[in-house]
mmCIF file of all heavy atoms, coordinates in Angstrom:
data_MODEL
# 
_entry.id   MODEL 
# 
loop_
_atom_site.group_PDB 
_atom_site.id 
_atom_site.type_symbol 
_atom_site.label_atom_id 
_atom_site.label_alt_id 
_atom_site.label_comp_id 
_atom_site.label_asym_id 
_atom_site.label_entity_id 
_atom_site.label_seq_id 
_atom_site.pdbx_PDB_ins_code 
_atom_site.Cartn_x 
_atom_site.Cartn_y 
_atom_site.Cartn_z 
_atom_site.occupancy 
_atom_site.B_iso_or_equiv 
_atom_site.pdbx_formal_charge 
_atom_site.auth_seq_id 
_atom_site.auth_comp_id 
_atom_site.auth_asym_id 
_atom_site.auth_atom_id 
_atom_site.pdbx_PDB_model_num 
ATOM 1   N N   . GLY A 1 1  ? 0.782   -1.228  0.000  1.00 0.00 ? 1  GLY A N   1 
ATOM 2   C CA  . GLY A 1 1  ? 0.000   0.000   0.000  1.00 0.00 ? 1  GLY A CA  1 
ATOM 3   C C   . GLY A 1 1  ? 0.815   1.279   0.000  1.00 0.00 ? 1  GLY A C   1 
ATOM 4   O O   . GLY A 1 1  ? 2.018   1.291   0.256  1.00 0.00 ? 1  GLY A O   1 
ATOM 5   N N   . GLU A 1 2  ? 0.122   2.357   -0.255 1.00 0.00 ? 2  GLU A N   1 
ATOM 6   C CA  . GLU A 1 2  ? 0.707   3.687   -0.465 1.00 0.00 ? 2  GLU A CA  1 
ATOM 7   C C   . GLU A 1 2  ? 1.595   4.174   0.669  1.00 0.00 ? 2  GLU A C   1 
ATOM 8   O O   . GLU A 1 2  ? 2.666   4.732   0.426  1.00 0.00 ? 2  GLU A O   1 
ATOM 9   C CB  . GLU A 1 2  ? -0.419  4.699   -0.691 1.00 0.00 ? 2  GLU A CB  1 
ATOM 10  C CG  . GLU A 1 2  ? 0.051   6.126   -0.846 1.00 0.00 ? 2  GLU A CG  1 
ATOM 11  C CD  . GLU A 1 2  ? -1.094  7.105   -1.003 1.00 0.00 ? 2  GLU A CD  1 
ATOM 12  O OE1 . GLU A 1 2  ? -2.239  6.776   -0.628 1.00 0.00 ? 2  GLU A OE1 1 
ATOM 13  O OE2 . GLU A 1 2  ? -0.842  8.217   -1.503 1.00 0.00 ? 2  GLU A OE2 1 
ATOM 14  N N   . THR A 1 3  ? 1.197   3.998   1.911  1.00 0.00 ? 3  THR A N   1 
ATOM 15  C CA  . THR A 1 3  ? 1.974   4.555   3.016  1.00 0.00 ? 3  THR A CA  1 
ATOM 16  C C   . THR A 1 3  ? 2.863   3.511   3.693  1.00 0.00 ? 3  THR A C   1 
ATOM 17  O O   . THR A 1 3  ? 3.424   3.767   4.761  1.00 0.00 ? 3  THR A O   1 
ATOM 18  C CB  . THR A 1 3  ? 1.050   5.226   4.059  1.00 0.00 ? 3  THR A CB  1 
ATOM 19  O OG1 . THR A 1 3  ? 0.182   4.250   4.627  1.00 0.00 ? 3  THR A OG1 1 
ATOM 20  C CG2 . THR A 1 3  ? 0.247   6.355   3.427  1.00 0.00 ? 3  THR A CG2 1 
ATOM 21  N N   . ALA A 1 4  ? 3.002   2.348   3.063  1.00 0.00 ? 4  ALA A N   1 
ATOM 22  C CA  . ALA A 1 4  ? 3.869   1.300   3.609  1.00 0.00 ? 4  ALA A CA  1 
ATOM 23  C C   . ALA A 1 4  ? 5.334   1.675   3.417  1.00 0.00 ? 4  ALA A C   1 
ATOM 24  O O   . ALA A 1 4  ? 5.696   2.366   2.461  1.00 0.00 ? 4  ALA A O   1 
ATOM 25  C CB  . ALA A 1 4  ? 3.589   -0.031  2.923  1.00 0.00 ? 4  ALA A CB  1 
ATOM 26  N N   . THR A 1 5  ? 6.168   1.215   4.347  1.00 0.00 ? 5  THR A N   1 
ATOM 27  C CA  . THR A 1 5  ? 7.615   1.300   4.174  1.00 0.00 ? 5  THR A CA  1 
ATOM 28  C C   . THR A 1 5  ? 8.181   -0.098  4.393  1.00 0.00 ? 5  THR A C   1 
ATOM 29  O O   . THR A 1 5  ? 7.693   -0.851  5.242  1.00 0.00 ? 5  THR A O   1 
ATOM 30  C CB  . THR A 1 5  ? 8.283   2.280   5.168  1.00 0.00 ? 5  THR A CB  1 
ATOM 31  O OG1 . THR A 1 5  ? 8.091   1.819   6.494  1.00 0.00 ? 5  THR A OG1 1 
ATOM 32  C CG2 . THR A 1 5  ? 7.719   3.676   5.016  1.00 0.00 ? 5  THR A CG2 1 
ATOM 33  N N   . VAL A 1 6  ? 9.192   -0.437  3.607  1.00 0.00 ? 6  VAL A N   1 
ATOM 34  C CA  . VAL A 1 6  ? 9.864   -1.725  3.724  1.00 0.00 ? 6  VAL A CA  1 
ATOM 35  C C   . VAL A 1 6  ? 11.351  -1.443  3.844  1.00 0.00 ? 6  VAL A C   1 
ATOM 36  O O   . VAL A 1 6  ? 11.918  -0.713  3.027  1.00 0.00 ? 6  VAL A O   1 
ATOM 37  C CB  . VAL A 1 6  ? 9.586   -2.618  2.490  1.00 0.00 ? 6  VAL A CB  1 
ATOM 38  C CG1 . VAL A 1 6  ? 10.332  -3.946  2.605  1.00 0.00 ? 6  VAL A CG1 1 
ATOM 39  C CG2 . VAL A 1 6  ? 8.082   -2.860  2.311  1.00 0.00 ? 6  VAL A CG2 1 
ATOM 40  N N   . GLY A 1 7  ? 11.972  -2.020  4.859  1.00 0.00 ? 7  GLY A N   1 
ATOM 41  C CA  . GLY A 1 7  ? 13.391  -1.791  5.107  1.00 0.00 ? 7  GLY A CA  1 
ATOM 42  C C   . GLY A 1 7  ? 14.293  -2.552  4.141  1.00 0.00 ? 7  GLY A C   1 
ATOM 43  O O   . GLY A 1 7  ? 13.845  -3.104  3.142  1.00 0.00 ? 7  GLY A O   1 
ATOM 44  N N   . ASP A 1 8  ? 15.565  -2.595  4.478  1.00 0.00 ? 8  ASP A N   1 
ATOM 45  C CA  . ASP A 1 8  ? 16.574  -3.249  3.640  1.00 0.00 ? 8  ASP A CA  1 
ATOM 46  C C   . ASP A 1 8  ? 16.589  -4.759  3.855  1.00 0.00 ? 8  ASP A C   1 
ATOM 47  O O   . ASP A 1 8  ? 16.330  -5.244  4.958  1.00 0.00 ? 8  ASP A O   1 
ATOM 48  C CB  . ASP A 1 8  ? 17.970  -2.707  3.972  1.00 0.00 ? 8  ASP A CB  1 
ATOM 49  C CG  . ASP A 1 8  ? 18.122  -1.226  3.661  1.00 0.00 ? 8  ASP A CG  1 
ATOM 50  O OD1 . ASP A 1 8  ? 17.339  -0.695  2.846  1.00 0.00 ? 8  ASP A OD1 1 
ATOM 51  O OD2 . ASP A 1 8  ? 19.035  -0.605  4.241  1.00 0.00 ? 8  ASP A OD2 1 
ATOM 52  N N   . ASP A 1 9  ? 16.931  -5.485  2.780  1.00 0.00 ? 9  ASP A N   1 
ATOM 53  C CA  . ASP A 1 9  ? 17.207  -6.927  2.825  1.00 0.00 ? 9  ASP A CA  1 
ATOM 54  C C   . ASP A 1 9  ? 16.036  -7.765  3.327  1.00 0.00 ? 9  ASP A C   1 
ATOM 55  O O   . ASP A 1 9  ? 16.228  -8.767  4.019  1.00 0.00 ? 9  ASP A O   1 
ATOM 56  C CB  . ASP A 1 9  ? 18.456  -7.188  3.673  1.00 0.00 ? 9  ASP A CB  1 
ATOM 57  C CG  . ASP A 1 9  ? 19.667  -6.433  3.141  1.00 0.00 ? 9  ASP A CG  1 
ATOM 58  O OD1 . ASP A 1 9  ? 19.931  -6.524  1.923  1.00 0.00 ? 9  ASP A OD1 1 
ATOM 59  O OD2 . ASP A 1 9  ? 20.330  -5.732  3.933  1.00 0.00 ? 9  ASP A OD2 1 
ATOM 60  N N   . CYS A 1 10 ? 14.828  -7.384  2.973  1.00 0.00 ? 10 CYS A N   1 
ATOM 61  C CA  . CYS A 1 10 ? 13.635  -8.133  3.369  1.00 0.00 ? 10 CYS A CA  1 
ATOM 62  C C   . CYS A 1 10 ? 13.291  -9.179  2.316  1.00 0.00 ? 10 CYS A C   1 
ATOM 63  O O   . CYS A 1 10 ? 13.676  -9.066  1.152  1.00 0.00 ? 10 CYS A O   1 
ATOM 64  C CB  . CYS A 1 10 ? 12.447  -7.187  3.552  1.00 0.00 ? 10 CYS A CB  1 
ATOM 65  S SG  . CYS A 1 10 ? 12.657  -6.065  4.947  1.00 0.00 ? 10 CYS A SG  1 
ATOM 66  N N   . VAL A 1 11 ? 12.530  -10.198 2.738  1.00 0.00 ? 11 VAL A N   1 
ATOM 67  C CA  . VAL A 1 11 ? 12.014  -11.228 1.839  1.00 0.00 ? 11 VAL A CA  1 
ATOM 68  C C   . VAL A 1 11 ? 10.505  -11.260 1.998  1.00 0.00 ? 11 VAL A C   1 
ATOM 69  O O   . VAL A 1 11 ? 9.993   -11.363 3.116  1.00 0.00 ? 11 VAL A O   1 
ATOM 70  C CB  . VAL A 1 11 ? 12.589  -12.628 2.168  1.00 0.00 ? 11 VAL A CB  1 
ATOM 71  C CG1 . VAL A 1 11 ? 11.992  -13.679 1.241  1.00 0.00 ? 11 VAL A CG1 1 
ATOM 72  C CG2 . VAL A 1 11 ? 14.111  -12.629 2.079  1.00 0.00 ? 11 VAL A CG2 1 
ATOM 73  N N   . ILE A 1 12 ? 9.803   -11.164 0.874  1.00 0.00 ? 12 ILE A N   1 
ATOM 74  C CA  . ILE A 1 12 ? 8.347   -11.250 0.862  1.00 0.00 ? 12 ILE A CA  1 
ATOM 75  C C   . ILE A 1 12 ? 7.959   -12.322 -0.151 1.00 0.00 ? 12 ILE A C   1 
ATOM 76  O O   . ILE A 1 12 ? 8.384   -12.281 -1.308 1.00 0.00 ? 12 ILE A O   1 
ATOM 77  C CB  . ILE A 1 12 ? 7.700   -9.897  0.477  1.00 0.00 ? 12 ILE A CB  1 
ATOM 78  C CG1 . ILE A 1 12 ? 8.013   -8.828  1.527  1.00 0.00 ? 12 ILE A CG1 1 
ATOM 79  C CG2 . ILE A 1 12 ? 6.205   -10.050 0.270  1.00 0.00 ? 12 ILE A CG2 1 
ATOM 80  C CD1 . ILE A 1 12 ? 7.482   -7.443  1.183  1.00 0.00 ? 12 ILE A CD1 1 
ATOM 81  N N   . TYR A 1 13 ? 7.151   -13.283 0.278  1.00 0.00 ? 13 TYR A N   1 
ATOM 82  C CA  . TYR A 1 13 ? 6.685   -14.346 -0.609 1.00 0.00 ? 13 TYR A CA  1 
ATOM 83  C C   . TYR A 1 13 ? 5.346   -13.984 -1.246 1.00 0.00 ? 13 TYR A C   1 
ATOM 84  O O   . TYR A 1 13 ? 4.724   -12.984 -0.883 1.00 0.00 ? 13 TYR A O   1 
ATOM 85  C CB  . TYR A 1 13 ? 6.596   -15.664 0.161  1.00 0.00 ? 13 TYR A CB  1 
ATOM 86  C CG  . TYR A 1 13 ? 7.967   -16.218 0.464  1.00 0.00 ? 13 TYR A CG  1 
ATOM 87  C CD1 . TYR A 1 13 ? 8.594   -15.923 1.668  1.00 0.00 ? 13 TYR A CD1 1 
ATOM 88  C CD2 . TYR A 1 13 ? 8.652   -16.995 -0.461 1.00 0.00 ? 13 TYR A CD2 1 
ATOM 89  C CE1 . TYR A 1 13 ? 9.868   -16.412 1.936  1.00 0.00 ? 13 TYR A CE1 1 
ATOM 90  C CE2 . TYR A 1 13 ? 9.916   -17.484 -0.197 1.00 0.00 ? 13 TYR A CE2 1 
ATOM 91  C CZ  . TYR A 1 13 ? 10.517  -17.184 1.005  1.00 0.00 ? 13 TYR A CZ  1 
ATOM 92  O OH  . TYR A 1 13 ? 11.773  -17.660 1.265  1.00 0.00 ? 13 TYR A OH  1 
ATOM 93  N N   . HIS A 1 14 ? 4.898   -14.806 -2.174 1.00 0.00 ? 14 HIS A N   1 
ATOM 94  C CA  . HIS A 1 14 ? 3.692   -14.523 -2.953 1.00 0.00 ? 14 HIS A CA  1 
ATOM 95  C C   . HIS A 1 14 ? 2.447   -14.406 -2.068 1.00 0.00 ? 14 HIS A C   1 
ATOM 96  O O   . HIS A 1 14 ? 2.363   -14.966 -0.995 1.00 0.00 ? 14 HIS A O   1 
ATOM 97  C CB  . HIS A 1 14 ? 3.488   -15.581 -4.034 1.00 0.00 ? 14 HIS A CB  1 
ATOM 98  C CG  . HIS A 1 14 ? 3.362   -16.970 -3.502 1.00 0.00 ? 14 HIS A CG  1 
ATOM 99  N ND1 . HIS A 1 14 ? 4.452   -17.713 -3.109 1.00 0.00 ? 14 HIS A ND1 1 
ATOM 100 C CD2 . HIS A 1 14 ? 2.289   -17.735 -3.271 1.00 0.00 ? 14 HIS A CD2 1 
ATOM 101 C CE1 . HIS A 1 14 ? 4.051   -18.888 -2.688 1.00 0.00 ? 14 HIS A CE1 1 
ATOM 102 N NE2 . HIS A 1 14 ? 2.736   -18.923 -2.767 1.00 0.00 ? 14 HIS A NE2 1 
ATOM 103 N N   . GLY A 1 15 ? 1.513   -13.611 -2.557 1.00 0.00 ? 15 GLY A N   1 
ATOM 104 C CA  . GLY A 1 15 ? 0.227   -13.460 -1.901 1.00 0.00 ? 15 GLY A CA  1 
ATOM 105 C C   . GLY A 1 15 ? 0.215   -12.604 -0.651 1.00 0.00 ? 15 GLY A C   1 
ATOM 106 O O   . GLY A 1 15 ? -0.783  -12.567 0.065  1.00 0.00 ? 15 GLY A O   1 
ATOM 107 N N   . VAL A 1 16 ? 1.290   -11.895 -0.377 1.00 0.00 ? 16 VAL A N   1 
ATOM 108 C CA  . VAL A 1 16 ? 1.370   -11.056 0.827  1.00 0.00 ? 16 VAL A CA  1 
ATOM 109 C C   . VAL A 1 16 ? 0.717   -9.701  0.574  1.00 0.00 ? 16 VAL A C   1 
ATOM 110 O O   . VAL A 1 16 ? 0.864   -9.126  -0.504 1.00 0.00 ? 16 VAL A O   1 
ATOM 111 C CB  . VAL A 1 16 ? 2.845   -10.863 1.256  1.00 0.00 ? 16 VAL A CB  1 
ATOM 112 C CG1 . VAL A 1 16 ? 2.999   -9.753  2.286  1.00 0.00 ? 16 VAL A CG1 1 
ATOM 113 C CG2 . VAL A 1 16 ? 3.417   -12.171 1.777  1.00 0.00 ? 16 VAL A CG2 1 
ATOM 114 N N   . THR A 1 17 ? 0.012   -9.194  1.573  1.00 0.00 ? 17 THR A N   1 
ATOM 115 C CA  . THR A 1 17 ? -0.546  -7.845  1.519  1.00 0.00 ? 17 THR A CA  1 
ATOM 116 C C   . THR A 1 17 ? 0.017   -7.015  2.659  1.00 0.00 ? 17 THR A C   1 
ATOM 117 O O   . THR A 1 17 ? -0.023  -7.447  3.814  1.00 0.00 ? 17 THR A O   1 
ATOM 118 C CB  . THR A 1 17 ? -2.089  -7.877  1.643  1.00 0.00 ? 17 THR A CB  1 
ATOM 119 O OG1 . THR A 1 17 ? -2.622  -8.634  0.554  1.00 0.00 ? 17 THR A OG1 1 
ATOM 120 C CG2 . THR A 1 17 ? -2.671  -6.476  1.643  1.00 0.00 ? 17 THR A CG2 1 
ATOM 121 N N   . LEU A 1 18 ? 0.555   -5.861  2.318  1.00 0.00 ? 18 LEU A N   1 
ATOM 122 C CA  . LEU A 1 18 ? 0.908   -4.836  3.301  1.00 0.00 ? 18 LEU A CA  1 
ATOM 123 C C   . LEU A 1 18 ? -0.149  -3.760  3.118  1.00 0.00 ? 18 LEU A C   1 
ATOM 124 O O   . LEU A 1 18 ? -0.004  -2.855  2.305  1.00 0.00 ? 18 LEU A O   1 
ATOM 125 C CB  . LEU A 1 18 ? 2.322   -4.281  3.054  1.00 0.00 ? 18 LEU A CB  1 
ATOM 126 C CG  . LEU A 1 18 ? 3.465   -5.289  3.011  1.00 0.00 ? 18 LEU A CG  1 
ATOM 127 C CD1 . LEU A 1 18 ? 4.792   -4.576  2.790  1.00 0.00 ? 18 LEU A CD1 1 
ATOM 128 C CD2 . LEU A 1 18 ? 3.498   -6.135  4.257  1.00 0.00 ? 18 LEU A CD2 1 
ATOM 129 N N   . GLY A 1 19 ? -1.257  -3.918  3.811  1.00 0.00 ? 19 GLY A N   1 
ATOM 130 C CA  . GLY A 1 19 ? -2.423  -3.093  3.529  1.00 0.00 ? 19 GLY A CA  1 
ATOM 131 C C   . GLY A 1 19 ? -2.974  -2.349  4.719  1.00 0.00 ? 19 GLY A C   1 
ATOM 132 O O   . GLY A 1 19 ? -2.478  -2.442  5.833  1.00 0.00 ? 19 GLY A O   1 
ATOM 133 N N   . GLY A 1 20 ? -4.048  -1.625  4.440  1.00 0.00 ? 20 GLY A N   1 
ATOM 134 C CA  . GLY A 1 20 ? -4.774  -0.902  5.471  1.00 0.00 ? 20 GLY A CA  1 
ATOM 135 C C   . GLY A 1 20 ? -5.895  -1.770  6.015  1.00 0.00 ? 20 GLY A C   1 
ATOM 136 O O   . GLY A 1 20 ? -6.134  -2.880  5.545  1.00 0.00 ? 20 GLY A O   1 
ATOM 137 N N   . LYS A 1 21 ? -6.593  -1.231  7.014  1.00 0.00 ? 21 LYS A N   1 
ATOM 138 C CA  . LYS A 1 21 ? -7.715  -1.959  7.601  1.00 0.00 ? 21 LYS A CA  1 
ATOM 139 C C   . LYS A 1 21 ? -9.053  -1.345  7.207  1.00 0.00 ? 21 LYS A C   1 
ATOM 140 O O   . LYS A 1 21 ? -10.078 -1.719  7.751  1.00 0.00 ? 21 LYS A O   1 
ATOM 141 C CB  . LYS A 1 21 ? -7.583  -1.992  9.128  1.00 0.00 ? 21 LYS A CB  1 
ATOM 142 C CG  . LYS A 1 21 ? -6.392  -2.795  9.585  1.00 0.00 ? 21 LYS A CG  1 
ATOM 143 C CD  . LYS A 1 21 ? -6.423  -3.155  11.057 1.00 0.00 ? 21 LYS A CD  1 
ATOM 144 C CE  . LYS A 1 21 ? -6.359  -1.982  11.960 1.00 0.00 ? 21 LYS A CE  1 
ATOM 145 N NZ  . LYS A 1 21 ? -6.218  -2.337  13.381 1.00 0.00 ? 21 LYS A NZ  1 
ATOM 146 N N   . GLY A 1 22 ? -9.041  -0.396  6.290  1.00 0.00 ? 22 GLY A N   1 
ATOM 147 C CA  . GLY A 1 22 ? -10.286 0.195   5.835  1.00 0.00 ? 22 GLY A CA  1 
ATOM 148 C C   . GLY A 1 22 ? -10.869 1.206   6.797  1.00 0.00 ? 22 GLY A C   1 
ATOM 149 O O   . GLY A 1 22 ? -12.030 1.564   6.704  1.00 0.00 ? 22 GLY A O   1 
ATOM 150 N N   . GLN A 1 23 ? -10.076 1.648   7.742  1.00 0.00 ? 23 GLN A N   1 
ATOM 151 C CA  . GLN A 1 23 ? -10.520 2.664   8.690  1.00 0.00 ? 23 GLN A CA  1 
ATOM 152 C C   . GLN A 1 23 ? -9.346  3.567   9.006  1.00 0.00 ? 23 GLN A C   1 
ATOM 153 O O   . GLN A 1 23 ? -8.239  3.315   8.584  1.00 0.00 ? 23 GLN A O   1 
ATOM 154 C CB  . GLN A 1 23 ? -11.047 2.010   9.969  1.00 0.00 ? 23 GLN A CB  1 
ATOM 155 C CG  . GLN A 1 23 ? -10.048 1.089   10.615 1.00 0.00 ? 23 GLN A CG  1 
ATOM 156 C CD  . GLN A 1 23 ? -10.698 0.166   11.627 1.00 0.00 ? 23 GLN A CD  1 
ATOM 157 O OE1 . GLN A 1 23 ? -11.870 -0.111  11.561 1.00 0.00 ? 23 GLN A OE1 1 
ATOM 158 N NE2 . GLN A 1 23 ? -9.923  -0.314  12.566 1.00 0.00 ? 23 GLN A NE2 1 
ATOM 159 N N   . GLY A 1 24 ? -9.587  4.605   9.731  1.00 0.00 ? 24 GLY A N   1 
ATOM 160 C CA  . GLY A 1 24 ? -8.515  5.532   10.068 1.00 0.00 ? 24 GLY A CA  1 
ATOM 161 C C   . GLY A 1 24 ? -8.532  6.728   9.141  1.00 0.00 ? 24 GLY A C   1 
ATOM 162 O O   . GLY A 1 24 ? -9.488  6.937   8.383  1.00 0.00 ? 24 GLY A O   1 
ATOM 163 N N   . PRO A 1 25 ? -7.466  7.509   9.165  1.00 0.00 ? 25 PRO A N   1 
ATOM 164 C CA  . PRO A 1 25 ? -7.451  8.741   8.366  1.00 0.00 ? 25 PRO A CA  1 
ATOM 165 C C   . PRO A 1 25 ? -7.512  8.446   6.872  1.00 0.00 ? 25 PRO A C   1 
ATOM 166 O O   . PRO A 1 25 ? -6.825  7.559   6.381  1.00 0.00 ? 25 PRO A O   1 
ATOM 167 C CB  . PRO A 1 25 ? -6.129  9.396   8.752  1.00 0.00 ? 25 PRO A CB  1 
ATOM 168 C CG  . PRO A 1 25 ? -5.287  8.290   9.266  1.00 0.00 ? 25 PRO A CG  1 
ATOM 169 C CD  . PRO A 1 25 ? -6.210  7.276   9.860  1.00 0.00 ? 25 PRO A CD  1 
ATOM 170 N N   . LYS A 1 26 ? -8.356  9.188   6.185  1.00 0.00 ? 26 LYS A N   1 
ATOM 171 C CA  . LYS A 1 26 ? -8.535  8.962   4.747  1.00 0.00 ? 26 LYS A CA  1 
ATOM 172 C C   . LYS A 1 26 ? -7.228  9.133   3.986  1.00 0.00 ? 26 LYS A C   1 
ATOM 173 O O   . LYS A 1 26 ? -6.935  8.356   3.099  1.00 0.00 ? 26 LYS A O   1 
ATOM 174 C CB  . LYS A 1 26 ? -9.600  9.918   4.213  1.00 0.00 ? 26 LYS A CB  1 
ATOM 175 C CG  . LYS A 1 26 ? -9.886  9.714   2.746  1.00 0.00 ? 26 LYS A CG  1 
ATOM 176 C CD  . LYS A 1 26 ? -11.010 10.603  2.263  1.00 0.00 ? 26 LYS A CD  1 
ATOM 177 C CE  . LYS A 1 26 ? -11.259 10.396  0.804  1.00 0.00 ? 26 LYS A CE  1 
ATOM 178 N NZ  . LYS A 1 26 ? -12.279 11.266  0.286  1.00 0.00 ? 26 LYS A NZ  1 
ATOM 179 N N   . CYS A 1 27 ? -6.447  10.118  4.303  1.00 0.00 ? 27 CYS A N   1 
ATOM 180 C CA  . CYS A 1 27 ? -5.214  10.371  3.564  1.00 0.00 ? 27 CYS A CA  1 
ATOM 181 C C   . CYS A 1 27 ? -3.974  10.301  4.452  1.00 0.00 ? 27 CYS A C   1 
ATOM 182 O O   . CYS A 1 27 ? -2.914  10.754  4.080  1.00 0.00 ? 27 CYS A O   1 
ATOM 183 C CB  . CYS A 1 27 ? -5.279  11.729  2.867  1.00 0.00 ? 27 CYS A CB  1 
ATOM 184 S SG  . CYS A 1 27 ? -6.557  11.805  1.611  1.00 0.00 ? 27 CYS A SG  1 
ATOM 185 N N   . GLY A 1 28 ? -4.077  9.714   5.631  1.00 0.00 ? 28 GLY A N   1 
ATOM 186 C CA  . GLY A 1 28 ? -2.939  9.620   6.551  1.00 0.00 ? 28 GLY A CA  1 
ATOM 187 C C   . GLY A 1 28 ? -2.261  8.262   6.474  1.00 0.00 ? 28 GLY A C   1 
ATOM 188 O O   . GLY A 1 28 ? -2.468  7.486   5.547  1.00 0.00 ? 28 GLY A O   1 
ATOM 189 N N   . LYS A 1 29 ? -1.465  7.971   7.476  1.00 0.00 ? 29 LYS A N   1 
ATOM 190 C CA  . LYS A 1 29 ? -0.732  6.701   7.559  1.00 0.00 ? 29 LYS A CA  1 
ATOM 191 C C   . LYS A 1 29 ? -1.714  5.557   7.765  1.00 0.00 ? 29 LYS A C   1 
ATOM 192 O O   . LYS A 1 29 ? -2.443  5.517   8.750  1.00 0.00 ? 29 LYS A O   1 
ATOM 193 C CB  . LYS A 1 29 ? 0.275   6.792   8.715  1.00 0.00 ? 29 LYS A CB  1 
ATOM 194 C CG  . LYS A 1 29 ? 1.056   5.532   8.960  1.00 0.00 ? 29 LYS A CG  1 
ATOM 195 C CD  . LYS A 1 29 ? 2.053   5.267   7.861  1.00 0.00 ? 29 LYS A CD  1 
ATOM 196 C CE  . LYS A 1 29 ? 2.950   4.086   8.229  1.00 0.00 ? 29 LYS A CE  1 
ATOM 197 N NZ  . LYS A 1 29 ? 3.532   3.471   7.063  1.00 0.00 ? 29 LYS A NZ  1 
ATOM 198 N N   . ARG A 1 30 ? -1.738  4.609   6.821  1.00 0.00 ? 30 ARG A N   1 
ATOM 199 C CA  . ARG A 1 30 ? -2.697  3.512   6.867  1.00 0.00 ? 30 ARG A CA  1 
ATOM 200 C C   . ARG A 1 30 ? -2.052  2.141   6.747  1.00 0.00 ? 30 ARG A C   1 
ATOM 201 O O   . ARG A 1 30 ? -2.708  1.125   6.934  1.00 0.00 ? 30 ARG A O   1 
ATOM 202 C CB  . ARG A 1 30 ? -3.717  3.664   5.726  1.00 0.00 ? 30 ARG A CB  1 
ATOM 203 C CG  . ARG A 1 30 ? -4.450  4.966   5.730  1.00 0.00 ? 30 ARG A CG  1 
ATOM 204 C CD  . ARG A 1 30 ? -5.399  5.145   4.557  1.00 0.00 ? 30 ARG A CD  1 
ATOM 205 N NE  . ARG A 1 30 ? -4.899  4.800   3.250  1.00 0.00 ? 30 ARG A NE  1 
ATOM 206 C CZ  . ARG A 1 30 ? -4.108  5.576   2.495  1.00 0.00 ? 30 ARG A CZ  1 
ATOM 207 N NH1 . ARG A 1 30 ? -3.678  6.730   2.958  1.00 0.00 ? 30 ARG A NH1 1 
ATOM 208 N NH2 . ARG A 1 30 ? -3.727  5.200   1.301  1.00 0.00 ? 30 ARG A NH2 1 
# 
């Protein structure tokens, strides 16, 4: 997602979501 950050040397496998929960600030950190 838009406001996600990923550090150095990470491993992410298929089907992973770094997402929001559909609540919280409309344009803030989600």
